[in-house]
Amino acid sequence: MELAETFTLGEARSPVNTTLWTREAVACFRQNGAAHLMAIGIDDEAGYRAAAYLDMDAVLADSPHRMQRIKEGIATSRNPLQCPSNAR
């Protein structure tokens, strides 16, 4: 993600690395009933693992074929889907 700011004399761009969703935010959306949440732009194993940790209902990937390989690789690996050790 990139933050773009426009000033009188031009524009500044800064890379941003942040987590926009947390388990608490997902719980907030779901506290008043069923809410189906989809993560968009998940294109690698780390993103898929993060979406699974957040308990997203679905992911939207640029390459469904590649995502299927990622899912199959996780299912057969010795590193199954689980919350990171530093997660709250």
Foldseek 3Di string as FASTA:
>chain_A
DWDWDADPVGIDIDDDDDDPDALVNLCVVPVVHDDAAEAEAQEDLVSVLVCVASVHNYYHYPDPVNVVVSVVCQVPDPNHRDDDPPGD
